[in-house]
Protein backbone atom coordinates (compact mmCIF):
# COMPACT_ATOMS: atom_id res chain seq x y z
CA UNK A 1 -11.60 7.77 1.81
CA UNK A 2 -14.62 8.29 4.27
CA UNK A 3 -16.91 8.58 1.16
CA UNK A 4 -15.39 5.54 -0.57
CA UNK A 5 -15.80 3.76 2.33
CA UNK A 6 -19.49 4.56 2.82
CA UNK A 7 -20.28 3.78 -1.00
CA UNK A 8 -18.41 0.13 -0.53
CA UNK A 9 -20.72 -0.03 2.84
CA UNK A 10 -24.00 1.02 0.89
CA UNK A 11 -23.37 -1.54 -2.01
CA UNK A 12 -22.82 -4.45 0.44
CA UNK A 13 -26.18 -3.82 2.39
CA UNK A 14 -27.78 -3.94 -1.57
CA UNK A 15 -26.12 -6.84 -2.64
CA UNK A 16 -26.68 -9.27 0.71
CA UNK A 17 -30.22 -9.14 0.60
CA UNK A 18 -30.02 -9.66 -3.37
CA UNK A 19 -27.70 -12.88 -2.84
CA UNK A 20 -30.07 -14.13 0.03
CA UNK A 21 -33.38 -13.57 -2.06
CA UNK A 22 -32.23 -14.49 -5.32
CA UNK A 23 -34.74 -17.05 -7.19
CA UNK A 24 -31.95 -18.87 -9.31
CA UNK A 25 -29.78 -19.43 -5.74
CA UNK A 26 -32.82 -20.32 -3.89
CA UNK A 27 -34.07 -23.06 -6.63
CA UNK A 28 -30.62 -24.43 -6.64
CA UNK A 29 -30.62 -24.72 -2.82
CA UNK A 30 -33.85 -26.31 -2.94
CA UNK A 31 -32.92 -28.58 -5.45
CA UNK A 32 -29.57 -29.92 -3.88
CA UNK A 33 -31.82 -30.32 -0.85
CA UNK A 34 -34.26 -32.27 -2.67
CA UNK A 35 -31.42 -34.48 -4.02
CA UNK A 36 -29.99 -35.07 -0.61
CA UNK A 37 -33.32 -35.78 0.84
CA UNK A 38 -33.46 -38.65 -2.06
CA UNK A 39 -30.15 -39.99 -1.64
CA UNK A 40 -30.80 -40.68 2.32
CA UNK A 41 -34.28 -41.87 1.59
CA UNK A 42 -33.08 -44.62 -1.32
CA UNK A 43 -29.98 -45.66 1.23
CA UNK A 44 -29.35 -49.23 0.14
CA UNK A 45 -30.62 -49.10 -3.26
CA UNK A 46 -27.28 -48.21 -4.99
CA UNK A 47 -28.56 -47.98 -8.65
CA UNK A 48 -31.17 -45.60 -7.82
CA UNK A 49 -28.81 -43.40 -5.78
CA UNK A 50 -26.29 -43.31 -8.80
CA UNK A 51 -29.43 -42.30 -11.17
CA UNK A 52 -30.61 -39.39 -8.90
CA UNK A 53 -26.85 -38.48 -8.38
CA UNK A 54 -26.12 -37.98 -12.30
CA UNK A 55 -29.78 -36.65 -13.11
CA UNK A 56 -29.55 -33.91 -10.59
CA UNK A 57 -26.24 -32.54 -11.80
CA UNK A 58 -27.32 -31.60 -15.05
CA UNK A 59 -29.47 -28.45 -13.76
CA UNK A 60 -26.75 -26.95 -11.43
CA UNK A 61 -24.30 -27.37 -14.36
CA UNK A 62 -26.88 -25.46 -16.41
CA UNK A 63 -26.78 -22.56 -14.09
CA UNK A 64 -23.12 -22.82 -13.97
CA UNK A 65 -22.92 -22.37 -17.98
CA UNK A 66 -25.58 -19.57 -17.91
CA UNK A 67 -24.30 -17.50 -15.16
CA UNK A 68 -20.93 -17.40 -16.30
CA UNK A 69 -22.40 -16.50 -19.96
CA UNK A 70 -24.27 -13.62 -18.15
CA UNK A 71 -20.94 -12.52 -16.53
CA UNK A 72 -18.99 -12.59 -19.65
CA UNK A 73 -21.58 -10.24 -21.39
CA UNK A 74 -20.69 -7.33 -18.93
CA UNK A 75 -16.95 -8.09 -18.26
CA UNK A 76 -14.23 -6.50 -20.37
CA UNK A 77 -10.79 -7.45 -21.52
CA UNK A 78 -9.23 -10.60 -20.11
CA UNK A 79 -11.67 -10.75 -17.21
CA UNK A 80 -14.16 -11.42 -20.36
CA UNK A 81 -12.22 -13.88 -22.09
CA UNK A 82 -11.94 -15.99 -18.74
CA UNK A 83 -15.66 -16.17 -17.93
CA UNK A 84 -16.08 -17.19 -21.98
CA UNK A 85 -13.73 -19.89 -21.18
CA UNK A 86 -15.78 -20.99 -17.84
CA UNK A 87 -18.85 -20.96 -20.20
CA UNK A 88 -17.35 -23.27 -22.56
CA UNK A 89 -16.44 -25.44 -19.50
CA UNK A 90 -19.73 -25.34 -18.04
CA UNK A 91 -21.54 -26.36 -21.45
CA UNK A 92 -18.66 -29.27 -21.45
CA UNK A 93 -20.02 -30.11 -17.84
CA UNK A 94 -23.65 -30.07 -18.93
CA UNK A 95 -22.95 -32.26 -22.17
CA UNK A 96 -20.73 -34.88 -19.96
CA UNK A 97 -23.30 -35.09 -17.24
CA UNK A 98 -26.30 -35.15 -19.54
CA UNK A 99 -24.65 -38.24 -21.44
CA UNK A 100 -23.80 -40.04 -18.24
CA UNK A 101 -27.08 -39.50 -16.69
CA UNK A 102 -28.89 -41.13 -19.90
CA UNK A 103 -26.69 -43.94 -19.66
CA UNK A 104 -27.17 -44.68 -16.30
CA UNK A 105 -30.89 -44.47 -16.94
CA UNK A 106 -30.53 -46.75 -19.63
CA UNK A 107 -28.33 -49.18 -18.68
CA UNK A 108 -28.58 -49.03 -14.49
CA UNK A 109 -26.70 -47.19 -12.08
CA UNK A 110 -23.37 -48.99 -12.38
CA UNK A 111 -19.96 -46.80 -11.89
CA UNK A 112 -21.20 -45.04 -8.60
CA UNK A 113 -19.93 -41.47 -9.01
CA UNK A 114 -17.09 -42.37 -11.39
CA UNK A 115 -18.42 -41.10 -14.99
CA UNK A 116 -17.62 -42.89 -18.19
CA UNK A 117 -15.82 -42.27 -21.14
CA UNK A 118 -17.69 -39.16 -22.60
CA UNK A 119 -18.31 -37.25 -18.87
CA UNK A 120 -14.43 -37.91 -18.06
CA UNK A 121 -13.33 -36.74 -21.46
CA UNK A 122 -15.89 -33.33 -21.15
CA UNK A 123 -14.88 -32.96 -17.50
CA UNK A 124 -11.00 -33.24 -18.19
CA UNK A 125 -11.15 -30.81 -21.12
CA UNK A 126 -13.34 -28.42 -19.35
CA UNK A 127 -11.18 -28.27 -16.09
CA UNK A 128 -7.76 -28.17 -18.49
CA UNK A 129 -9.83 -25.09 -20.22
CA UNK A 130 -10.22 -23.30 -16.69
CA UNK A 131 -6.38 -24.00 -15.73
CA UNK A 132 -5.08 -22.40 -19.00
CA UNK A 133 -7.37 -19.41 -18.83
CA UNK A 134 -6.19 -19.19 -15.26
CA UNK A 135 -2.56 -19.38 -16.12
CA UNK A 136 -3.43 -16.61 -19.07
CA UNK A 137 -4.97 -13.99 -16.84
CA UNK A 138 -2.72 -11.14 -16.03
CA UNK A 139 -1.53 -10.28 -13.03
CA UNK A 140 -0.66 -6.51 -12.15
CA UNK A 141 3.06 -7.12 -10.63
CA UNK A 142 5.21 -4.51 -12.33
CA UNK A 143 8.80 -5.87 -11.40
CA UNK A 144 10.34 -8.90 -11.75
CA UNK A 145 11.00 -9.77 -8.53
CA UNK A 146 7.39 -9.30 -7.59
CA UNK A 147 6.51 -11.63 -10.06
CA UNK A 148 8.91 -14.11 -9.01
CA UNK A 149 7.54 -13.90 -5.35
CA UNK A 150 4.04 -14.26 -6.84
CA UNK A 151 4.93 -17.56 -8.78
CA UNK A 152 7.11 -19.00 -5.75
CA UNK A 153 4.16 -18.48 -3.40
CA UNK A 154 1.67 -19.95 -6.10
CA UNK A 155 3.75 -22.89 -6.54
CA UNK A 156 3.85 -23.74 -2.83
CA UNK A 157 0.20 -23.88 -3.12
CA UNK A 158 0.33 -25.98 -5.88
CA UNK A 159 2.48 -28.61 -4.57
CA UNK A 160 0.62 -28.67 -1.53
CA UNK A 161 -2.42 -29.67 -3.75
CA UNK A 162 -0.24 -32.23 -5.79
CA UNK A 163 0.68 -33.83 -2.41
CA UNK A 164 -2.92 -34.13 -1.87
CA UNK A 165 -3.79 -35.33 -5.21
CA UNK A 166 -0.87 -37.84 -5.01
CA UNK A 167 -2.31 -39.57 -1.89
CA UNK A 168 -5.51 -40.22 -4.05
CA UNK A 169 -3.88 -41.18 -7.17
CA UNK A 170 -1.06 -43.19 -5.90
CA UNK A 171 -3.12 -46.32 -5.35
CA UNK A 172 -3.43 -48.40 -9.00
CA UNK A 173 -4.61 -51.61 -7.80
CA UNK A 174 -8.01 -50.82 -8.88
CA UNK A 175 -9.81 -50.89 -12.19
CA UNK A 176 -9.03 -48.09 -14.84
CA UNK A 177 -12.35 -46.27 -14.03
CA UNK A 178 -11.07 -45.95 -10.36
CA UNK A 179 -8.05 -44.77 -11.53
CA UNK A 180 -9.73 -42.19 -13.86
CA UNK A 181 -11.61 -41.24 -10.95
CA UNK A 182 -8.73 -40.95 -8.70
CA UNK A 183 -6.92 -38.61 -11.26
CA UNK A 184 -10.37 -36.50 -11.74
CA UNK A 185 -10.40 -36.09 -8.10
CA UNK A 186 -6.81 -35.18 -8.02
CA UNK A 187 -7.41 -32.58 -11.12
CA UNK A 188 -10.26 -30.96 -9.06
CA UNK A 189 -7.73 -30.63 -5.83
CA UNK A 190 -4.97 -29.24 -8.27
CA UNK A 191 -7.16 -26.51 -9.93
CA UNK A 192 -8.78 -25.34 -6.78
CA UNK A 193 -5.29 -25.26 -5.37
CA UNK A 194 -4.22 -23.09 -8.17
CA UNK A 195 -7.37 -21.14 -8.31
CA UNK A 196 -6.96 -20.26 -4.46
CA UNK A 197 -3.46 -18.99 -5.13
CA UNK A 198 -4.36 -17.20 -8.43
CA UNK A 199 -7.43 -15.58 -6.54
CA UNK A 200 -5.64 -14.68 -3.44
CA UNK A 201 -2.12 -13.78 -4.49
CA UNK A 202 -2.45 -12.28 -7.63
CA UNK A 203 -4.10 -9.16 -6.87
CA UNK A 204 -6.18 -9.03 -10.38
CA UNK A 205 -8.68 -12.06 -9.60
CA UNK A 206 -11.27 -12.25 -12.26
CA UNK A 207 -14.14 -12.60 -9.83
CA UNK A 208 -14.98 -11.14 -6.65
CA UNK A 209 -13.73 -12.69 -3.35
CA UNK A 210 -17.46 -13.93 -2.66
CA UNK A 211 -17.92 -15.55 -5.86
CA UNK A 212 -14.63 -17.32 -5.65
CA UNK A 213 -15.16 -18.84 -2.46
CA UNK A 214 -17.89 -21.13 -2.66
CA UNK A 215 -15.95 -22.70 -5.81
CA UNK A 216 -12.97 -23.03 -3.41
CA UNK A 217 -14.91 -24.66 -0.49
CA UNK A 218 -16.05 -26.75 -3.33
CA UNK A 219 -12.59 -28.54 -3.68
CA UNK A 220 -12.78 -29.31 0.17
CA UNK A 221 -15.76 -31.38 -0.06
CA UNK A 222 -14.29 -33.08 -3.38
CA UNK A 223 -11.40 -34.05 -0.92
CA UNK A 224 -13.58 -35.12 1.71
CA UNK A 225 -15.71 -37.21 -0.52
CA UNK A 226 -12.99 -38.83 -1.94
CA UNK A 227 -11.26 -39.71 1.32
CA UNK A 228 -14.32 -41.32 2.89
CA UNK A 229 -14.53 -43.83 0.28
CA UNK A 230 -11.88 -45.56 -1.83
CA UNK A 231 -12.38 -45.43 -5.35
CA UNK A 232 -12.86 -49.34 -5.60
CA UNK A 233 -15.90 -49.25 -3.40
CA UNK A 234 -18.83 -51.09 -4.80
CA UNK A 235 -21.23 -49.05 -2.78
CA UNK A 236 -21.60 -45.91 -0.70
CA UNK A 237 -22.99 -44.61 2.15
CA UNK A 238 -26.03 -42.07 1.53
CA UNK A 239 -23.53 -39.44 3.31
CA UNK A 240 -20.83 -39.99 0.97
CA UNK A 241 -23.30 -39.58 -2.22
CA UNK A 242 -24.22 -36.08 -0.29
CA UNK A 243 -21.12 -34.97 0.31
CA UNK A 244 -19.81 -35.46 -3.28
CA UNK A 245 -23.08 -34.11 -4.67
CA UNK A 246 -22.44 -30.90 -2.81
CA UNK A 247 -19.62 -29.21 -5.05
CA UNK A 248 -21.83 -29.17 -7.93
CA UNK A 249 -23.92 -26.44 -5.91
CA UNK A 250 -21.03 -24.59 -4.96
CA UNK A 251 -19.34 -24.40 -8.36
CA UNK A 252 -22.60 -23.04 -9.68
CA UNK A 253 -23.22 -20.88 -6.91
CA UNK A 254 -19.81 -18.82 -7.72
CA UNK A 255 -20.59 -17.33 -11.25
CA UNK A 256 -24.41 -16.76 -9.94
CA UNK A 257 -22.83 -14.55 -7.33
CA UNK A 258 -20.60 -12.86 -9.58
CA UNK A 259 -23.57 -12.02 -11.62
CA UNK A 260 -25.29 -10.52 -9.11
CA UNK A 261 -22.32 -8.45 -7.55
CA UNK A 262 -21.66 -7.09 -11.01
CA UNK A 263 -25.14 -5.77 -11.17
CA UNK A 264 -24.95 -3.30 -8.39
CA UNK A 265 -20.87 -2.97 -8.19
CA UNK A 266 -19.20 -1.59 -10.69
CA UNK A 267 -15.62 -2.21 -9.43
CA UNK A 268 -16.75 -6.06 -9.20
CA UNK A 269 -13.61 -6.69 -11.94
CA UNK A 270 -10.28 -5.03 -12.65
CA UNK A 271 -6.96 -4.69 -10.98
CA UNK A 272 -6.88 -4.62 -7.23
CA UNK A 273 -3.98 -3.92 -4.96
CA UNK A 274 -2.12 -7.08 -4.02
CA UNK A 275 -2.02 -7.84 -0.23
CA UNK A 276 1.64 -7.51 1.16
CA UNK A 277 1.27 -10.85 2.23
CA UNK A 278 -0.94 -14.18 2.18
CA UNK A 279 -1.07 -16.83 4.63
CA UNK A 280 -2.19 -19.58 2.02
CA UNK A 281 1.08 -20.68 1.21
CA UNK A 282 1.54 -21.46 5.23
CA UNK A 283 -1.51 -23.24 4.80
CA UNK A 284 -0.11 -25.62 2.25
CA UNK A 285 2.78 -26.47 4.73
CA UNK A 286 0.33 -27.59 6.99
CA UNK A 287 -1.74 -29.62 4.70
CA UNK A 288 1.52 -31.27 3.70
CA UNK A 289 2.49 -31.67 7.28
CA UNK A 290 -0.76 -33.31 8.33
CA UNK A 291 -0.53 -35.66 5.40
CA UNK A 292 2.50 -36.79 6.31
CA UNK A 293 1.63 -37.18 9.94
CA UNK A 294 -1.39 -39.13 8.91
CA UNK A 295 0.93 -41.61 6.61
CA UNK A 296 3.35 -41.92 9.55
CA UNK A 297 0.82 -43.40 11.66
CA UNK A 298 -0.77 -45.66 8.99
CA UNK A 299 2.41 -47.18 7.34
CA UNK A 300 2.50 -49.75 9.86
CA UNK A 301 -0.49 -51.88 8.73
CA UNK A 302 1.28 -54.58 6.32
CA UNK A 303 -1.65 -54.80 4.02
CA UNK A 304 -1.39 -51.29 3.01
CA UNK A 305 2.20 -51.08 3.44
CA UNK A 306 3.23 -50.78 -0.35
CA UNK A 307 0.59 -48.26 -1.22
CA UNK A 308 1.41 -46.28 1.81
CA UNK A 309 4.92 -46.13 1.18
CA UNK A 310 4.60 -44.77 -2.49
CA UNK A 311 2.10 -42.25 -0.83
CA UNK A 312 4.58 -41.35 1.76
CA UNK A 313 7.60 -40.83 -0.62
CA UNK A 314 5.69 -38.66 -2.62
CA UNK A 315 4.49 -36.49 0.50
CA UNK A 316 8.29 -36.22 1.73
CA UNK A 317 9.08 -35.32 -2.00
CA UNK A 318 6.72 -32.69 -1.88
CA UNK A 319 7.51 -31.55 1.32
CA UNK A 320 11.06 -30.96 0.24
CA UNK A 321 10.28 -29.39 -2.80
CA UNK A 322 8.00 -26.83 -0.59
CA UNK A 323 11.17 -26.19 1.48
CA UNK A 324 13.10 -25.31 -1.41
CA UNK A 325 10.40 -22.91 -2.42
CA UNK A 326 9.97 -21.39 0.85
CA UNK A 327 13.76 -20.81 0.88
CA UNK A 328 13.77 -19.18 -2.23
CA UNK A 329 10.82 -16.95 -1.08
CA UNK A 330 12.37 -15.70 2.11
CA UNK A 331 15.52 -15.03 0.06
CA UNK A 332 13.57 -13.04 -2.24
CA UNK A 333 11.85 -11.60 0.82
CA UNK A 334 15.44 -10.73 2.24
CA UNK A 335 16.25 -9.07 -0.77
CA UNK A 336 13.22 -7.10 -1.11
CA UNK A 337 13.95 -5.92 2.91
CA UNK A 338 17.14 -4.54 1.83
CA UNK A 339 16.06 -2.95 -1.14
CA UNK A 340 13.47 -1.27 1.10
CA UNK A 341 15.82 -0.59 3.66
CA UNK A 342 18.30 1.33 0.80
CA UNK A 343 14.96 3.02 -0.38
CA UNK A 344 13.83 4.00 2.67
CA UNK A 345 17.42 5.67 3.82
CA UNK A 346 17.49 7.24 0.48
CA UNK A 347 14.30 8.97 1.32
CA UNK A 348 15.20 9.49 4.64
CA UNK A 349 18.04 11.77 3.44
CA UNK A 350 16.17 13.57 0.76
CA UNK A 351 13.77 14.60 3.62
CA UNK A 352 16.39 15.88 5.65
CA UNK A 353 18.30 17.68 3.20
CA UNK A 354 14.60 19.05 2.17
CA UNK A 355 13.85 20.22 5.61
CA UNK A 356 17.51 21.58 6.05
CA UNK A 357 16.47 23.77 3.12
CA UNK A 358 12.96 24.96 4.02
CA UNK A 359 14.52 25.86 7.23
CA UNK A 360 17.08 27.92 5.69
CA UNK A 361 14.25 29.46 3.56
CA UNK A 362 12.57 30.04 6.60
CA UNK A 363 15.33 31.79 8.63
CA UNK A 364 17.16 33.52 5.74
CA UNK A 365 16.22 36.82 4.00
CA UNK A 366 15.97 35.87 -0.05
CA UNK A 367 17.68 38.80 -1.06
CA UNK A 368 20.72 39.03 0.66
CA UNK A 369 21.13 35.45 2.30
CA UNK A 370 21.23 37.07 6.05
CA UNK A 371 19.20 35.76 8.51
CA UNK A 372 15.64 37.44 8.64
CA UNK A 373 13.30 39.02 11.49
CA UNK A 374 12.10 35.56 12.60
CA UNK A 375 15.40 33.93 12.88
CA UNK A 376 17.04 36.95 14.81
CA UNK A 377 14.36 37.22 16.88
CA UNK A 378 14.38 33.31 17.54
CA UNK A 379 18.44 33.73 18.13
CA UNK A 380 17.66 36.87 20.78
CA UNK A 381 15.58 34.71 22.60
CA UNK A 382 18.45 31.94 22.84
CA UNK A 383 21.13 34.61 23.74
CA UNK A 384 18.85 36.35 26.63
CA UNK A 385 17.84 33.12 28.04
CA UNK A 386 19.60 33.21 31.31
CA UNK A 387 22.24 35.72 30.32
CA UNK A 388 24.76 38.07 32.45
CA UNK A 389 23.68 41.57 32.13
CA UNK A 390 25.92 43.49 29.88
CA UNK A 391 27.14 40.54 27.79
CA UNK A 392 24.49 40.62 24.71
CA UNK A 393 24.24 43.97 22.57
CA UNK A 394 22.27 44.66 19.48
CA UNK A 395 23.24 47.19 16.56
CA UNK A 396 20.37 48.56 14.60
CA UNK A 397 21.46 49.93 11.46
CA UNK A 398 19.41 52.04 8.83
CA UNK A 399 20.75 53.16 5.52
CA UNK A 400 20.56 56.88 4.71
CA UNK A 401 19.15 58.20 1.78
CA UNK A 402 18.31 54.66 0.06
CA UNK A 403 15.35 55.75 -1.24
CA UNK A 404 17.05 58.59 -3.30
CA UNK A 405 18.93 55.61 -4.91
CA UNK A 406 16.09 53.67 -6.13
CA UNK A 407 14.57 56.86 -7.16
CA UNK A 408 17.60 57.57 -9.40
CA UNK A 409 19.05 54.63 -10.07
CA UNK A 410 16.19 52.17 -10.07
CA UNK A 411 15.35 48.85 -8.18
CA UNK A 412 18.28 46.83 -9.31
CA UNK A 413 20.78 49.26 -8.08
CA UNK A 414 18.85 49.30 -4.69
CA UNK A 415 19.20 45.36 -4.39
CA UNK A 416 22.76 45.58 -5.57
CA UNK A 417 23.39 48.18 -2.76
CA UNK A 418 21.56 46.33 -0.29
CA UNK A 419 23.56 42.74 -1.03
CA UNK A 420 26.81 44.87 -0.89
CA UNK A 421 25.76 46.07 2.48
CA UNK A 422 24.94 42.71 3.89
CA UNK A 423 28.67 41.55 2.52
CA UNK A 424 30.24 44.69 4.59
CA UNK A 425 28.47 43.68 7.53
CA UNK A 426 29.12 40.46 7.36
CA UNK A 427 32.82 40.90 6.93
CA UNK A 428 33.08 43.58 9.91
CA UNK A 429 31.58 41.23 12.58
CA UNK A 430 32.78 38.11 14.56
CA UNK A 431 32.20 34.74 13.41
CA UNK A 432 29.34 33.95 16.16
CA UNK A 433 27.53 37.41 15.63
CA UNK A 434 24.48 37.46 13.83
CA UNK A 435 23.98 39.60 11.01
CA UNK A 436 20.13 40.00 9.92
CA UNK A 437 17.94 42.04 7.57
CA UNK A 438 14.68 43.06 9.27
CA UNK A 439 13.36 44.58 6.05
CA UNK A 440 13.88 47.31 3.28
CA UNK A 441 17.31 49.20 4.37
CA UNK A 442 17.15 47.98 7.87
CA UNK A 443 19.74 45.90 9.21
CA UNK A 444 20.63 44.57 12.68
CA UNK A 445 23.64 42.70 14.22
CA UNK A 446 23.21 40.69 17.35
CA UNK A 447 26.62 40.57 18.97
CA UNK A 448 27.08 37.70 21.65
CA UNK A 449 29.62 38.06 24.98
CA UNK A 450 29.78 41.78 24.10
CA UNK A 451 29.43 44.44 26.46
CA UNK A 452 28.58 48.00 25.36
CA UNK A 453 32.20 49.25 24.69
CA UNK A 454 32.63 46.34 22.50
CA UNK A 455 29.29 47.13 20.69
CA UNK A 456 30.60 50.72 20.02
CA UNK A 457 33.89 49.40 18.63
CA UNK A 458 32.15 47.46 16.31
CA UNK A 459 29.46 50.30 15.34
CA UNK A 460 32.68 52.22 14.60
CA UNK A 461 34.17 49.35 12.40
CA UNK A 462 30.90 48.97 10.41
CA UNK A 463 30.73 52.65 9.65
CA UNK A 464 34.20 52.63 8.46
CA UNK A 465 33.37 49.60 6.14
CA UNK A 466 30.80 51.37 4.33
CA UNK A 467 33.04 54.41 3.64
CA UNK A 468 34.35 52.51 0.73
CA UNK A 469 31.75 52.89 -2.53
CA UNK A 470 29.88 49.81 -3.34
CA UNK A 471 29.22 48.82 -7.08
CA UNK A 472 25.29 49.03 -8.28
CA UNK A 473 25.41 47.84 -11.72
CA UNK A 474 26.39 49.41 -15.21
CA UNK A 475 29.86 50.57 -13.77
CA UNK A 476 28.16 52.85 -11.26
CA UNK A 477 29.54 53.08 -7.42
CA UNK A 478 27.53 54.65 -4.71
CA UNK A 479 28.48 55.06 -0.70
CA UNK A 480 26.21 53.71 1.29
CA UNK A 481 25.72 56.01 4.34
CA UNK A 482 24.24 54.52 7.53
CA UNK A 483 22.73 55.44 11.31
CA UNK A 484 23.26 52.81 14.14
CA UNK A 485 22.01 52.31 16.91
CA UNK A 486 23.44 50.15 19.97
CA UNK A 487 21.97 48.74 23.11
CA UNK A 488 23.33 46.25 25.66
CA UNK A 489 20.79 44.29 27.24
CA UNK A 490 20.42 45.06 31.07
CA UNK A 491 19.18 42.13 33.79
CA UNK A 492 15.60 42.15 32.91
CA UNK A 493 16.00 42.63 29.30
CA UNK A 494 13.96 40.72 26.54
CA UNK A 495 13.23 40.85 22.87
CA UNK A 496 10.80 43.55 22.59
CA UNK A 497 13.28 46.16 25.08
CA UNK A 498 16.18 45.21 23.50
CA UNK A 499 14.66 45.91 19.91
CA UNK A 500 13.27 49.37 21.29
CA UNK A 501 16.44 50.79 22.82
CA UNK A 502 18.54 50.04 19.75
CA UNK A 503 15.74 51.70 18.03
CA UNK A 504 16.09 54.32 20.13
CA UNK A 505 19.54 54.97 19.62
CA UNK A 506 19.48 54.53 16.02
CA UNK A 507 16.74 57.73 15.83
CA UNK A 508 19.09 59.96 18.06
CA UNK A 509 21.80 59.14 15.59
CA UNK A 510 19.79 60.34 12.51
CA UNK A 511 19.06 63.36 14.34
CA UNK A 512 22.72 63.83 15.11
CA UNK A 513 23.31 63.96 11.36
CA UNK A 514 23.17 60.87 10.13
CA UNK A 515 26.31 58.59 9.17
CA UNK A 516 27.35 58.16 12.71
CA UNK A 517 26.20 55.74 15.59
CA UNK A 518 24.79 56.05 19.21
CA UNK A 519 24.59 54.01 22.23
CA UNK A 520 21.12 53.79 24.29
CA UNK A 521 20.79 55.49 27.54
CA UNK A 522 17.65 56.28 29.38
CA UNK A 523 17.97 60.05 28.40
CA UNK A 524 17.32 59.45 24.93
CA UNK A 525 14.39 57.48 25.73
CA UNK A 526 13.09 60.88 27.46
CA UNK A 527 14.33 62.97 24.25
CA UNK A 528 12.24 60.87 22.06
CA UNK A 529 9.21 60.71 24.24
CA UNK A 530 9.10 64.43 24.44
CA UNK A 531 9.90 64.91 20.62
CA UNK A 532 6.67 62.62 20.16
CA UNK A 533 4.65 64.70 22.57
CA UNK A 534 5.82 67.78 20.61
CA UNK A 535 4.59 66.23 17.71
CA UNK A 536 1.27 65.49 19.04
CA UNK A 537 0.69 68.83 20.08
CA UNK A 538 1.38 70.25 16.49
CA UNK A 539 -0.68 67.72 14.79
CA UNK A 540 -3.45 69.07 17.30
C-alpha cells in the first residue's frame, strides 16, 4: 500500500509540471485571452464581436478533436470507443463552427452567439453522440441492486439538470433561432449533468477526474452565460460574450489533459472502485430548491407572470420527481443496510465458531481429545488462585511398559491404547475434574475441591478402571498398567510446586513396583534427592 501511494505521488509530481508547461494548453489559453481582449476592445461593435466570437472558436474545436483522437489511440475496449465518439463530435464542432464563421464573415455578424442551421445541426448531432456514448459505456456494478442505486442517483442529477434546462427553454416568445439557442443551452446543461453523474457515480469513467473537471465546469459557464442575457437580446455586453466563449477552452482542455496524463500514468483508464457515496445527488436537490426560491421571488412581476408560472410548475414537477427518486434511493439503501447487517451477523457467528474451534484446538490434545499441557496449566492457575489449603489436588499418571506396546504391536496399537486410557480416566473422575494428556504416555488429573484422602480414593479408582484390558486393534487386547503420583496443594503452592510434588510421588510409585499409587510427602522428596546424589557419584 505504501509503495503504491509513493508511486502515485511520483506520477503527480511528473504530471503537474507537464500540464503547466504543455505548449498546446498554453497556446489555447493565450488564444482565449486574446479573444477576450478583442471582445472587450470591440464593445459596442456587435457585428465585429460576433465575428471574433465564432472565428476564435475553430482552433479550440480542432484541439478538442485532435486531443480526443490522440487519447483514442492509446485507450482500449469501451474507453477507446468513447474517445472515438468524442473525436467525431469534435470534428462536427469544427465543421459547424467553421461554417458559422464563414457565414458571419460574409454576411455580417448577425445572430450573436446563436448558430445557424448547419452549426446547430452539427452541434446537436455531436452532443447526442456523446450522450449515447456515455449511456453505452459499461459500469462495474455487479448486482442488480447496485445498478438500481446508480441509476436512481443518476436520475436525480439528470432531473436537476432538466429543471435548469427547462428554465431556459420555457420562454417560447422569441424567434425560432432564439428557441434553438435556448434548447442548445438546455442540451449542454443536461449533457453536463449526465456526464457529472456518470463520471462521479459510475466508478468506471473513461477519463481521469482531472480531465473531466474542466469539461463539467464549462457547463457552469454556459449556464451563467445564457442566464446573464435572454436569447431574444439584440446586443450583448462584452463580458457575456467572454463568459459564453470560455467553455470552448474548457471543453478542449479536458481531452488534452487526458492525453498528457495517459503518457505517464498507465492506470489513467480502466475500472476504479466506486465511492460508497456521492454528494452529487444532494447538489442536484440544492439546485432545484434554489431555482424554486428564485422563481417564487420573481413570480409577482405581471410582465413575466405567464412565463414564470410555466417555469415554476416545471420546477415543482421536477422537485416532486426528485423527492420520489430520493425516497426510492433511501429504500434501496435501507434494504442494503438490512442485508449488510444480516451478512455481518452471519460473519460474526462464523468468526465466533471459528474462534471456538481454534481455542479448542489450542487447548486440546489432538489424539485423545483431552486437555493439553497448556490448558492444564491455565486451569491449575485458576484453581490455585486464592485457594484454601488442602482443596486442590493433582494426579500424575505414567503408563508402565508403553514402549513395549509400540515396539511389539506398532504405533497404531499404542495410539489405540492411549485413546482407551483417556476414556477410562474420564469415566473415573468427577464432572468438574480436568483430565489432560501431558505428552507421550503421561497423563494428569486436576481435582478441584478435593483433599488428600479424596485424591487417594480417586487414584485407586483409576487403577481399578485400568485393570480391564483395552482393545488395541485387529482383535488384540492389552492391559494398561500405570504408576500414579498424588499431590495436594499447600498454602503457598503454585503450578510448578504442585507438578513437582506429583512427579516425585509418581516416581516413588514406580520404585515401589509400578501399577500402584503414592501420595507426596516431604520424605519422598528427600529420598529422590538422595538417589539423585548417589547417581551423580556413580557417574563421576
